[in-house]
Protein backbone atom coordinates (compact mmCIF):
# COMPACT_ATOMS: atom_id res chain seq x y z
CA UNK A 1 19.55 -98.34 40.80
CA UNK A 2 19.87 -96.85 37.59
CA UNK A 3 18.22 -93.50 37.31
CA UNK A 4 17.24 -91.42 33.90
CA UNK A 5 15.93 -88.32 34.34
CA UNK A 6 13.89 -87.16 31.78
CA UNK A 7 12.91 -83.60 33.11
CA UNK A 8 15.59 -82.07 35.10
CA UNK A 9 13.86 -80.19 38.47
CA UNK A 10 10.49 -83.24 38.45
CA UNK A 11 11.80 -84.31 41.52
CA UNK A 12 8.24 -85.70 42.04
CA UNK A 13 7.87 -87.29 39.38
CA UNK A 14 4.36 -86.20 38.14
CA UNK A 15 5.70 -84.66 34.72
CA UNK A 16 5.26 -81.06 36.18
CA UNK A 17 7.92 -78.86 37.14
CA UNK A 18 6.11 -76.75 40.01
CA UNK A 19 5.86 -75.28 43.72
CA UNK A 20 5.45 -78.88 44.38
CA UNK A 21 9.13 -80.12 43.37
CA UNK A 22 10.99 -77.05 45.03
CA UNK A 23 9.15 -78.19 48.04
CA UNK A 24 10.61 -81.43 47.59
CA UNK A 25 14.29 -80.50 46.80
CA UNK A 26 14.57 -78.27 49.76
CA UNK A 27 13.09 -80.97 52.23
CA UNK A 28 16.02 -83.31 51.10
CA UNK A 29 18.50 -80.65 51.08
CA UNK A 30 17.31 -79.83 54.38
CA UNK A 31 17.54 -83.62 55.61
CA UNK A 32 20.76 -84.18 53.61
CA UNK A 33 19.22 -87.12 52.05
CA UNK A 34 18.50 -86.70 48.29
CA UNK A 35 20.53 -88.91 46.67
CA UNK A 36 18.35 -91.75 48.17
CA UNK A 37 15.20 -90.05 46.68
CA UNK A 38 13.56 -92.04 44.19
CA UNK A 39 14.43 -89.27 41.50
CA UNK A 40 17.13 -87.55 43.03
CA UNK A 41 19.10 -86.96 39.34
CA UNK A 42 15.88 -84.24 38.57
CA UNK A 43 17.53 -82.35 41.42
CA UNK A 44 21.23 -81.48 40.02
CA UNK A 45 20.13 -78.44 38.64
CA UNK A 46 23.82 -76.84 38.13
CA UNK A 47 25.26 -79.89 37.16
CA UNK A 48 27.72 -80.39 39.89
CA UNK A 49 26.87 -83.87 41.26
CA UNK A 50 25.67 -82.08 44.71
CA UNK A 51 22.18 -80.96 45.96
CA UNK A 52 22.37 -77.69 47.80
CA UNK A 53 20.89 -74.40 47.77
CA UNK A 54 22.48 -73.30 44.31
CA UNK A 55 19.81 -76.20 43.14
CA UNK A 56 16.94 -75.21 44.92
CA UNK A 57 17.40 -71.65 43.63
CA UNK A 58 17.86 -72.27 39.91
CA UNK A 59 14.66 -74.36 40.47
CA UNK A 60 12.88 -71.83 42.13
CA UNK A 61 13.93 -69.52 39.12
CA UNK A 62 12.40 -71.38 36.49
CA UNK A 63 9.42 -72.11 38.43
CA UNK A 64 8.67 -68.31 38.92
CA UNK A 65 9.61 -67.43 35.32
CA UNK A 66 7.94 -70.60 33.83
CA UNK A 67 10.97 -71.59 31.65
CA UNK A 68 11.79 -74.72 33.39
CA UNK A 69 12.57 -77.60 30.86
CA UNK A 70 14.69 -80.19 29.96
CA UNK A 71 18.50 -79.75 30.63
């Protein structure tokens, strides 16, 4: 499956980056199944190829600051 992330951080695919994306990312990080998610590539916010608490913190920070965008 080829994935193209047009909006980094938009894990639920609704076109907006908000608290629902943080929840989606936190859930898949805890379940260790982010790579299996439909929009998984949107969750690697720090570009290290993995999904972990650092991505959750990065996403939460940009949502709280209202400055999330393409990365």
